[in-house]
Amino acid sequence: MRKPITVFIFILMAGLLLGCNAKSHNITEQESVTGDRLYIVDHYKEKLAAMKLKEVAAMPYFHSPFIVVAADEAGQQFAIIFREDGTKKAIPLPVTYEQIVDLVEQRGFDLSTVGSSWNLHLFEINQKLYWVFGDGQGQLVLDLNGHEVADPFQQDELNDTSS
């Protein structure tokens, strides 16, 4: 009597594990060096080309949204936000990616290697974009204008209390 229940539980657990590992149809999952899976929208470069934009820096993270810094022919840079539901949004960047890299380096961080440059991300926090750099030694958060932000999670609360 115990053996059928054990077999049933084993099959149930195996099915759950396989179901949790299923891939989404809109997103390609790519393994990083550590084995964590990053979300990257399928054919995003073609989607950028259709918008007449060229990739400057891709900013994949472990979940949606997928954010890419892209530039138009005039050099204006945008944060292109690709969401899991297929929608996309372009946000003009007042400070270029290259200027943000310079600002991070001016604060004593090293972004001269490919590995260290992967530590710079654009994150959407409370429906606003922030540049976040963290290298295990320290962390820096900047708004889109390149101004340092102590805690982006409290920014909205601070703005709400001051009005």
N, C-alpha and C. Protein backbone atom coordinates (compact mmCIF):
# COMPACT_ATOMS: atom_id res chain seq x y z
N MET A 1 0.81 -1.20 0.00
CA MET A 1 0.00 0.00 0.00
C MET A 1 0.85 1.26 0.00
N ARG A 2 2.00 1.25 0.66
CA ARG A 2 2.86 2.42 0.73
C ARG A 2 3.54 2.70 -0.59
N LYS A 3 3.89 1.65 -1.34
CA LYS A 3 4.63 1.84 -2.58
C LYS A 3 3.85 2.65 -3.61
N PRO A 4 2.55 2.40 -3.86
CA PRO A 4 1.82 3.23 -4.82
C PRO A 4 1.76 4.71 -4.41
N ILE A 5 1.62 4.98 -3.13
CA ILE A 5 1.58 6.37 -2.67
C ILE A 5 2.94 7.03 -2.89
N THR A 6 4.02 6.32 -2.61
CA THR A 6 5.37 6.86 -2.82
C THR A 6 5.60 7.14 -4.29
N VAL A 7 5.19 6.24 -5.16
CA VAL A 7 5.34 6.43 -6.60
C VAL A 7 4.52 7.64 -7.05
N PHE A 8 3.29 7.76 -6.56
CA PHE A 8 2.44 8.89 -6.91
C PHE A 8 3.07 10.22 -6.49
N ILE A 9 3.59 10.28 -5.27
CA ILE A 9 4.23 11.50 -4.77
C ILE A 9 5.45 11.83 -5.61
N PHE A 10 6.24 10.81 -5.97
CA PHE A 10 7.43 11.04 -6.79
C PHE A 10 7.04 11.60 -8.16
N ILE A 11 6.02 11.04 -8.79
CA ILE A 11 5.57 11.53 -10.10
C ILE A 11 5.02 12.94 -9.98
N LEU A 12 4.27 13.21 -8.93
CA LEU A 12 3.74 14.55 -8.70
C LEU A 12 4.86 15.57 -8.53
N MET A 13 5.86 15.25 -7.74
CA MET A 13 7.00 16.16 -7.52
C MET A 13 7.77 16.39 -8.81
N ALA A 14 7.99 15.33 -9.58
CA ALA A 14 8.71 15.45 -10.85
C ALA A 14 7.93 16.35 -11.82
N GLY A 15 6.64 16.19 -11.86
CA GLY A 15 5.80 17.03 -12.72
C GLY A 15 5.84 18.48 -12.31
N LEU A 16 5.80 18.75 -11.01
CA LEU A 16 5.89 20.12 -10.53
C LEU A 16 7.23 20.74 -10.88
N LEU A 17 8.30 19.99 -10.71
CA LEU A 17 9.62 20.52 -11.04
C LEU A 17 9.75 20.81 -12.52
N LEU A 18 9.23 19.93 -13.36
CA LEU A 18 9.29 20.17 -14.80
C LEU A 18 8.42 21.36 -15.19
N GLY A 19 7.28 21.51 -14.55
CA GLY A 19 6.39 22.63 -14.84
C GLY A 19 7.02 23.95 -14.43
N CYS A 20 7.75 23.98 -13.33
CA CYS A 20 8.41 25.21 -12.89
C CYS A 20 9.56 25.58 -13.81
N ASN A 21 10.09 24.61 -14.52
CA ASN A 21 11.23 24.87 -15.40
C ASN A 21 10.80 25.18 -16.83
N ALA A 22 9.50 25.21 -17.11
CA ALA A 22 9.02 25.46 -18.48
C ALA A 22 9.38 26.87 -18.91
N LYS A 23 9.72 27.02 -20.18
CA LYS A 23 10.11 28.32 -20.72
C LYS A 23 8.90 29.07 -21.24
N SER A 24 8.94 30.39 -21.09
CA SER A 24 7.91 31.26 -21.63
C SER A 24 8.04 31.34 -23.14
N HIS A 25 6.94 31.56 -23.84
CA HIS A 25 6.97 31.64 -25.29
C HIS A 25 7.52 32.97 -25.79
N ASN A 26 7.34 34.08 -25.04
CA ASN A 26 7.80 35.38 -25.53
C ASN A 26 9.23 35.69 -25.13
N ILE A 27 9.81 34.99 -24.20
CA ILE A 27 11.09 35.36 -23.64
C ILE A 27 12.08 34.22 -23.85
N THR A 28 13.27 34.58 -24.26
CA THR A 28 14.35 33.61 -24.34
C THR A 28 15.12 33.68 -23.05
N GLU A 29 15.37 32.56 -22.42
CA GLU A 29 16.14 32.55 -21.20
C GLU A 29 17.58 32.19 -21.54
N GLN A 30 18.51 33.00 -21.07
CA GLN A 30 19.92 32.80 -21.35
C GLN A 30 20.64 32.62 -20.02
N GLU A 31 21.55 31.68 -19.95
CA GLU A 31 22.28 31.48 -18.71
C GLU A 31 23.44 32.45 -18.62
N SER A 32 23.60 33.04 -17.45
CA SER A 32 24.76 33.89 -17.21
C SER A 32 25.89 33.01 -16.69
N VAL A 33 26.99 33.61 -16.35
CA VAL A 33 28.15 32.88 -15.88
C VAL A 33 27.83 32.07 -14.64
N THR A 34 26.97 32.60 -13.76
CA THR A 34 26.67 31.93 -12.51
C THR A 34 25.60 30.85 -12.67
N GLY A 35 25.00 30.74 -13.82
CA GLY A 35 23.96 29.75 -14.04
C GLY A 35 22.57 30.30 -13.81
N ASP A 36 22.44 31.53 -13.33
CA ASP A 36 21.13 32.15 -13.17
C ASP A 36 20.56 32.44 -14.55
N ARG A 37 19.25 32.45 -14.66
CA ARG A 37 18.62 32.69 -15.95
C ARG A 37 18.24 34.15 -16.08
N LEU A 38 18.58 34.73 -17.22
CA LEU A 38 18.25 36.11 -17.52
C LEU A 38 17.13 36.15 -18.54
N TYR A 39 16.22 37.11 -18.39
CA TYR A 39 15.15 37.31 -19.36
C TYR A 39 15.66 38.20 -20.49
N ILE A 40 15.53 37.72 -21.70
CA ILE A 40 15.88 38.49 -22.89
C ILE A 40 14.77 38.28 -23.89
N VAL A 41 14.16 39.36 -24.34
CA VAL A 41 13.04 39.28 -25.27
C VAL A 41 13.53 38.74 -26.62
N ASP A 42 12.79 37.80 -27.18
CA ASP A 42 13.13 37.26 -28.49
C ASP A 42 13.15 38.36 -29.53
N HIS A 43 14.16 38.34 -30.37
CA HIS A 43 14.27 39.23 -31.53
C HIS A 43 14.25 40.72 -31.16
N TYR A 44 14.77 41.05 -30.01
CA TYR A 44 14.71 42.46 -29.59
C TYR A 44 15.51 43.37 -30.51
N LYS A 45 16.58 42.86 -31.10
CA LYS A 45 17.38 43.71 -32.01
C LYS A 45 16.57 44.06 -33.26
N GLU A 46 15.77 43.12 -33.74
CA GLU A 46 14.92 43.41 -34.88
C GLU A 46 13.83 44.42 -34.51
N LYS A 47 13.34 44.31 -33.29
CA LYS A 47 12.32 45.24 -32.81
C LYS A 47 12.92 46.65 -32.68
N LEU A 48 14.17 46.73 -32.23
CA LEU A 48 14.84 48.03 -32.16
C LEU A 48 15.03 48.61 -33.56
N ALA A 49 15.45 47.77 -34.50
CA ALA A 49 15.65 48.22 -35.88
C ALA A 49 14.35 48.75 -36.47
N ALA A 50 13.24 48.11 -36.16
CA ALA A 50 11.93 48.57 -36.66
C ALA A 50 11.58 49.93 -36.08
N MET A 51 12.12 50.25 -34.90
CA MET A 51 11.91 51.55 -34.28
C MET A 51 12.98 52.56 -34.73
N LYS A 52 13.83 52.13 -35.66
CA LYS A 52 14.96 52.94 -36.15
C LYS A 52 15.93 53.30 -35.04
N LEU A 53 16.20 52.31 -34.18
CA LEU A 53 17.12 52.46 -33.05
C LEU A 53 18.22 51.41 -33.14
N LYS A 54 19.37 51.74 -32.56
CA LYS A 54 20.50 50.83 -32.51
C LYS A 54 20.89 50.61 -31.04
N GLU A 55 21.16 49.37 -30.68
CA GLU A 55 21.51 49.03 -29.31
C GLU A 55 22.80 49.72 -28.88
N VAL A 56 22.78 50.28 -27.68
CA VAL A 56 23.97 50.82 -27.03
C VAL A 56 24.42 49.84 -25.95
N ALA A 57 23.48 49.41 -25.11
CA ALA A 57 23.78 48.46 -24.04
C ALA A 57 22.50 47.74 -23.63
N ALA A 58 22.55 46.42 -23.62
CA ALA A 58 21.42 45.63 -23.13
C ALA A 58 21.56 45.47 -21.62
N MET A 59 20.44 45.49 -20.93
CA MET A 59 20.44 45.40 -19.47
C MET A 59 19.52 44.27 -19.00
N PRO A 60 19.83 43.02 -19.38
CA PRO A 60 18.96 41.93 -18.93
C PRO A 60 19.02 41.75 -17.42
N TYR A 61 17.92 41.29 -16.88
CA TYR A 61 17.86 40.97 -15.46
C TYR A 61 17.14 39.64 -15.33
N PHE A 62 16.90 39.21 -14.13
CA PHE A 62 16.35 37.89 -13.89
C PHE A 62 14.85 37.80 -14.10
N HIS A 63 14.19 38.92 -14.31
CA HIS A 63 12.75 38.91 -14.54
C HIS A 63 12.38 40.08 -15.44
N SER A 64 11.16 40.09 -15.91
CA SER A 64 10.64 41.17 -16.73
C SER A 64 10.60 42.44 -15.89
N PRO A 65 10.85 43.60 -16.45
CA PRO A 65 11.05 43.89 -17.86
C PRO A 65 12.50 43.73 -18.30
N PHE A 66 12.67 43.62 -19.61
CA PHE A 66 13.98 43.61 -20.24
C PHE A 66 14.22 45.03 -20.74
N ILE A 67 15.33 45.64 -20.34
CA ILE A 67 15.60 47.04 -20.68
C ILE A 67 16.86 47.12 -21.54
N VAL A 68 16.76 47.90 -22.62
CA VAL A 68 17.87 48.12 -23.53
C VAL A 68 18.07 49.62 -23.69
N VAL A 69 19.33 50.06 -23.60
CA VAL A 69 19.64 51.45 -23.95
C VAL A 69 19.90 51.45 -25.44
N ALA A 70 19.20 52.31 -26.17
CA ALA A 70 19.33 52.37 -27.63
C ALA A 70 19.40 53.84 -28.05
N ALA A 71 19.96 54.06 -29.24
CA ALA A 71 20.10 55.42 -29.76
C ALA A 71 19.50 55.51 -31.15
N ASP A 72 18.98 56.70 -31.46
CA ASP A 72 18.48 56.95 -32.82
C ASP A 72 19.63 57.49 -33.68
N GLU A 73 19.34 57.81 -34.93
CA GLU A 73 20.38 58.28 -35.85
C GLU A 73 21.01 59.59 -35.41
N ALA A 74 20.26 60.42 -34.66
CA ALA A 74 20.78 61.70 -34.18
C ALA A 74 21.61 61.55 -32.91
N GLY A 75 21.63 60.34 -32.32
CA GLY A 75 22.41 60.11 -31.11
C GLY A 75 21.63 60.22 -29.83
N GLN A 76 20.32 60.58 -29.91
CA GLN A 76 19.48 60.62 -28.70
C GLN A 76 19.32 59.19 -28.18
N GLN A 77 19.58 59.01 -26.90
CA GLN A 77 19.45 57.69 -26.30
C GLN A 77 18.12 57.54 -25.58
N PHE A 78 17.65 56.29 -25.59
CA PHE A 78 16.37 55.93 -24.97
C PHE A 78 16.56 54.65 -24.16
N ALA A 79 15.77 54.53 -23.11
CA ALA A 79 15.63 53.26 -22.41
C ALA A 79 14.40 52.61 -23.03
N ILE A 80 14.59 51.47 -23.69
CA ILE A 80 13.48 50.74 -24.28
C ILE A 80 13.12 49.63 -23.30
N ILE A 81 11.89 49.67 -22.82
CA ILE A 81 11.42 48.70 -21.83
C ILE A 81 10.52 47.71 -22.54
N PHE A 82 10.96 46.46 -22.60
CA PHE A 82 10.16 45.37 -23.17
C PHE A 82 9.56 44.59 -22.01
N ARG A 83 8.24 44.50 -22.00
CA ARG A 83 7.55 43.77 -20.93
C ARG A 83 7.17 42.37 -21.39
N GLU A 84 6.96 41.53 -20.44
CA GLU A 84 6.62 40.12 -20.69
C GLU A 84 5.33 39.98 -21.48
N ASP A 85 4.41 40.96 -21.34
CA ASP A 85 3.12 40.87 -22.05
C ASP A 85 3.23 41.31 -23.52
N GLY A 86 4.46 41.66 -23.97
CA GLY A 86 4.67 42.05 -25.36
C GLY A 86 4.67 43.55 -25.60
N THR A 87 4.31 44.33 -24.59
CA THR A 87 4.32 45.79 -24.76
C THR A 87 5.74 46.33 -24.64
N LYS A 88 5.95 47.49 -25.24
CA LYS A 88 7.25 48.15 -25.12
C LYS A 88 7.02 49.64 -24.96
N LYS A 89 8.01 50.30 -24.35
CA LYS A 89 7.92 51.73 -24.10
C LYS A 89 9.31 52.32 -24.26
N ALA A 90 9.40 53.49 -24.89
CA ALA A 90 10.66 54.19 -25.07
C ALA A 90 10.67 55.43 -24.17
N ILE A 91 11.69 55.54 -23.33
CA ILE A 91 11.83 56.68 -22.44
C ILE A 91 13.12 57.41 -22.81
N PRO A 92 13.03 58.68 -23.22
CA PRO A 92 14.25 59.44 -23.55
C PRO A 92 15.17 59.56 -22.34
N LEU A 93 16.46 59.38 -22.56
CA LEU A 93 17.43 59.49 -21.48
C LEU A 93 18.09 60.87 -21.53
N PRO A 94 17.95 61.67 -20.47
CA PRO A 94 18.55 63.00 -20.46
C PRO A 94 20.08 62.96 -20.36
N VAL A 95 20.61 61.88 -19.83
CA VAL A 95 22.05 61.68 -19.69
C VAL A 95 22.38 60.36 -20.38
N THR A 96 23.40 60.35 -21.24
CA THR A 96 23.71 59.15 -22.01
C THR A 96 24.31 58.05 -21.14
N TYR A 97 24.27 56.87 -21.67
CA TYR A 97 24.88 55.71 -21.00
C TYR A 97 26.35 55.99 -20.72
N GLU A 98 27.05 56.53 -21.70
CA GLU A 98 28.48 56.81 -21.55
C GLU A 98 28.74 57.83 -20.44
N GLN A 99 27.87 58.84 -20.33
CA GLN A 99 28.00 59.83 -19.26
C GLN A 99 27.74 59.20 -17.89
N ILE A 100 26.79 58.27 -17.82
CA ILE A 100 26.51 57.56 -16.57
C ILE A 100 27.73 56.74 -16.17
N VAL A 101 28.34 56.04 -17.13
CA VAL A 101 29.55 55.26 -16.85
C VAL A 101 30.62 56.18 -16.27
N ASP A 102 30.81 57.35 -16.88
CA ASP A 102 31.79 58.32 -16.37
C ASP A 102 31.47 58.75 -14.94
N LEU A 103 30.19 59.03 -14.67
CA LEU A 103 29.78 59.44 -13.32
C LEU A 103 30.06 58.34 -12.29
N VAL A 104 29.78 57.10 -12.66
CA VAL A 104 30.04 55.98 -11.74
C VAL A 104 31.54 55.86 -11.48
N GLU A 105 32.35 55.98 -12.53
CA GLU A 105 33.80 55.89 -12.37
C GLU A 105 34.34 57.07 -11.56
N GLN A 106 33.75 58.26 -11.70
CA GLN A 106 34.18 59.43 -10.91
C GLN A 106 33.95 59.22 -9.42
N ARG A 107 33.01 58.34 -9.09
CA ARG A 107 32.74 58.05 -7.68
C ARG A 107 33.58 56.88 -7.17
N GLY A 108 34.60 56.50 -7.96
CA GLY A 108 35.58 55.52 -7.49
C GLY A 108 35.34 54.08 -7.88
N PHE A 109 34.36 53.81 -8.71
CA PHE A 109 34.09 52.44 -9.15
C PHE A 109 34.77 52.18 -10.48
N ASP A 110 35.14 50.93 -10.71
CA ASP A 110 35.84 50.55 -11.94
C ASP A 110 34.87 49.85 -12.88
N LEU A 111 34.68 50.42 -14.07
CA LEU A 111 33.84 49.79 -15.09
C LEU A 111 34.66 49.49 -16.34
N SER A 112 35.95 49.33 -16.19
CA SER A 112 36.83 49.18 -17.36
C SER A 112 36.80 47.77 -17.96
N THR A 113 36.31 46.79 -17.22
CA THR A 113 36.24 45.43 -17.77
C THR A 113 34.80 45.08 -18.12
N VAL A 114 34.66 44.10 -19.00
CA VAL A 114 33.31 43.67 -19.40
C VAL A 114 32.54 43.17 -18.18
N GLY A 115 33.18 42.39 -17.35
CA GLY A 115 32.52 41.86 -16.16
C GLY A 115 32.03 42.96 -15.23
N SER A 116 32.84 43.99 -15.02
CA SER A 116 32.42 45.06 -14.12
C SER A 116 31.33 45.93 -14.76
N SER A 117 31.34 46.06 -16.08
CA SER A 117 30.29 46.85 -16.73
C SER A 117 28.93 46.16 -16.65
N TRP A 118 28.92 44.84 -16.45
CA TRP A 118 27.65 44.12 -16.27
C TRP A 118 27.00 44.45 -14.94
N ASN A 119 27.73 45.11 -14.05
CA ASN A 119 27.18 45.49 -12.75
C ASN A 119 26.37 46.78 -12.80
N LEU A 120 26.32 47.41 -13.97
CA LEU A 120 25.52 48.63 -14.14
C LEU A 120 24.21 48.26 -14.81
N HIS A 121 23.10 48.60 -14.16
CA HIS A 121 21.77 48.25 -14.66
C HIS A 121 20.84 49.44 -14.59
N LEU A 122 19.85 49.40 -15.45
CA LEU A 122 18.70 50.28 -15.32
C LEU A 122 17.59 49.44 -14.70
N PHE A 123 17.05 49.91 -13.58
CA PHE A 123 15.96 49.20 -12.92
C PHE A 123 14.75 50.11 -12.86
N GLU A 124 13.59 49.50 -12.97
CA GLU A 124 12.34 50.22 -12.80
C GLU A 124 11.88 50.01 -11.37
N ILE A 125 11.82 51.10 -10.62
CA ILE A 125 11.42 51.06 -9.22
C ILE A 125 10.32 52.10 -9.03
N ASN A 126 9.18 51.67 -8.56
CA ASN A 126 8.03 52.57 -8.36
C ASN A 126 7.71 53.34 -9.65
N GLN A 127 7.76 52.66 -10.77
CA GLN A 127 7.44 53.20 -12.09
C GLN A 127 8.40 54.30 -12.55
N LYS A 128 9.60 54.34 -11.98
CA LYS A 128 10.64 55.27 -12.40
C LYS A 128 11.91 54.46 -12.67
N LEU A 129 12.74 54.96 -13.59
CA LEU A 129 13.99 54.27 -13.90
C LEU A 129 15.14 54.84 -13.08
N TYR A 130 16.01 53.94 -12.61
CA TYR A 130 17.20 54.32 -11.86
C TYR A 130 18.38 53.52 -12.39
N TRP A 131 19.54 54.19 -12.46
CA TRP A 131 20.79 53.51 -12.75
C TRP A 131 21.29 52.94 -11.43
N VAL A 132 21.62 51.65 -11.42
CA VAL A 132 22.11 51.03 -10.20
C VAL A 132 23.42 50.31 -10.53
N PHE A 133 24.47 50.63 -9.75
CA PHE A 133 25.74 49.93 -9.89
C PHE A 133 26.08 49.32 -8.55
N GLY A 134 26.42 48.04 -8.56
CA GLY A 134 26.86 47.34 -7.36
C GLY A 134 27.91 46.32 -7.74
N ASP A 135 29.05 46.36 -7.05
CA ASP A 135 30.14 45.45 -7.39
C ASP A 135 30.56 44.55 -6.23
N GLY A 136 29.77 44.50 -5.19
CA GLY A 136 30.13 43.71 -4.02
C GLY A 136 30.94 44.51 -3.02
N GLN A 137 31.57 45.58 -3.48
CA GLN A 137 32.34 46.47 -2.60
C GLN A 137 31.52 47.68 -2.20
N GLY A 138 30.60 48.05 -3.05
CA GLY A 138 29.77 49.22 -2.79
C GLY A 138 28.63 49.28 -3.78
N GLN A 139 27.73 50.22 -3.55
CA GLN A 139 26.58 50.39 -4.44
C GLN A 139 26.34 51.87 -4.66
N LEU A 140 25.87 52.19 -5.86
CA LEU A 140 25.55 53.56 -6.23
C LEU A 140 24.24 53.53 -6.99
N VAL A 141 23.31 54.43 -6.62
CA VAL A 141 22.03 54.56 -7.31
C VAL A 141 21.93 56.00 -7.81
N LEU A 142 21.64 56.14 -9.11
CA LEU A 142 21.49 57.45 -9.73
C LEU A 142 20.13 57.53 -10.42
N ASP A 143 19.54 58.73 -10.41
CA ASP A 143 18.32 58.91 -11.19
C ASP A 143 18.71 59.10 -12.66
N LEU A 144 17.74 59.30 -13.53
CA LEU A 144 18.05 59.42 -14.95
C LEU A 144 18.88 60.65 -15.29
N ASN A 145 18.89 61.65 -14.40
CA ASN A 145 19.70 62.84 -14.61
C ASN A 145 21.12 62.70 -14.06
N GLY A 146 21.42 61.55 -13.48
CA GLY A 146 22.76 61.31 -12.95
C GLY A 146 22.96 61.78 -11.52
N HIS A 147 21.88 62.13 -10.82
CA HIS A 147 21.97 62.57 -9.43
C HIS A 147 21.86 61.36 -8.50
N GLU A 148 22.70 61.35 -7.48
CA GLU A 148 22.72 60.23 -6.54
C GLU A 148 21.42 60.20 -5.74
N VAL A 149 20.91 58.99 -5.54
CA VAL A 149 19.68 58.75 -4.79
C VAL A 149 20.01 57.80 -3.65
N ALA A 150 19.66 58.18 -2.43
CA ALA A 150 19.97 57.34 -1.28
C ALA A 150 19.15 56.05 -1.28
N ASP A 151 17.84 56.17 -1.49
CA ASP A 151 16.97 55.00 -1.47
C ASP A 151 15.81 55.22 -2.43
N PRO A 152 15.88 54.63 -3.63
CA PRO A 152 14.81 54.87 -4.61
C PRO A 152 13.45 54.33 -4.18
N PHE A 153 13.43 53.41 -3.22
CA PHE A 153 12.16 52.87 -2.76
C PHE A 153 11.42 53.86 -1.88
N GLN A 154 12.13 54.84 -1.32
CA GLN A 154 11.49 55.84 -0.46
C GLN A 154 11.28 57.16 -1.17
N GLN A 155 11.73 57.30 -2.42
CA GLN A 155 11.60 58.56 -3.15
C GLN A 155 10.15 59.03 -3.25
N ASP A 156 9.23 58.13 -3.60
CA ASP A 156 7.84 58.52 -3.72
C ASP A 156 7.25 58.94 -2.39
N GLU A 157 7.65 58.23 -1.31
CA GLU A 157 7.15 58.59 0.00
C GLU A 157 7.64 59.98 0.39
N LEU A 158 8.91 60.30 0.08
CA LEU A 158 9.45 61.63 0.37
C LEU A 158 8.71 62.69 -0.42
N ASN A 159 8.43 62.43 -1.68
CA ASN A 159 7.72 63.39 -2.50
C ASN A 159 6.28 63.59 -2.03
N ASP A 160 5.64 62.51 -1.57
CA ASP A 160 4.26 62.60 -1.10
C ASP A 160 4.16 63.44 0.18
N THR A 161 5.14 63.35 1.08
CA THR A 161 5.07 64.07 2.34
C THR A 161 5.42 65.55 2.18
N SER A 162 6.13 65.89 1.11
CA SER A 162 6.54 67.27 0.92
C SER A 162 5.48 68.11 0.21
N SER A 163 4.42 67.47 -0.29
CA SER A 163 3.39 68.25 -1.01
C SER A 163 2.21 68.60 -0.14
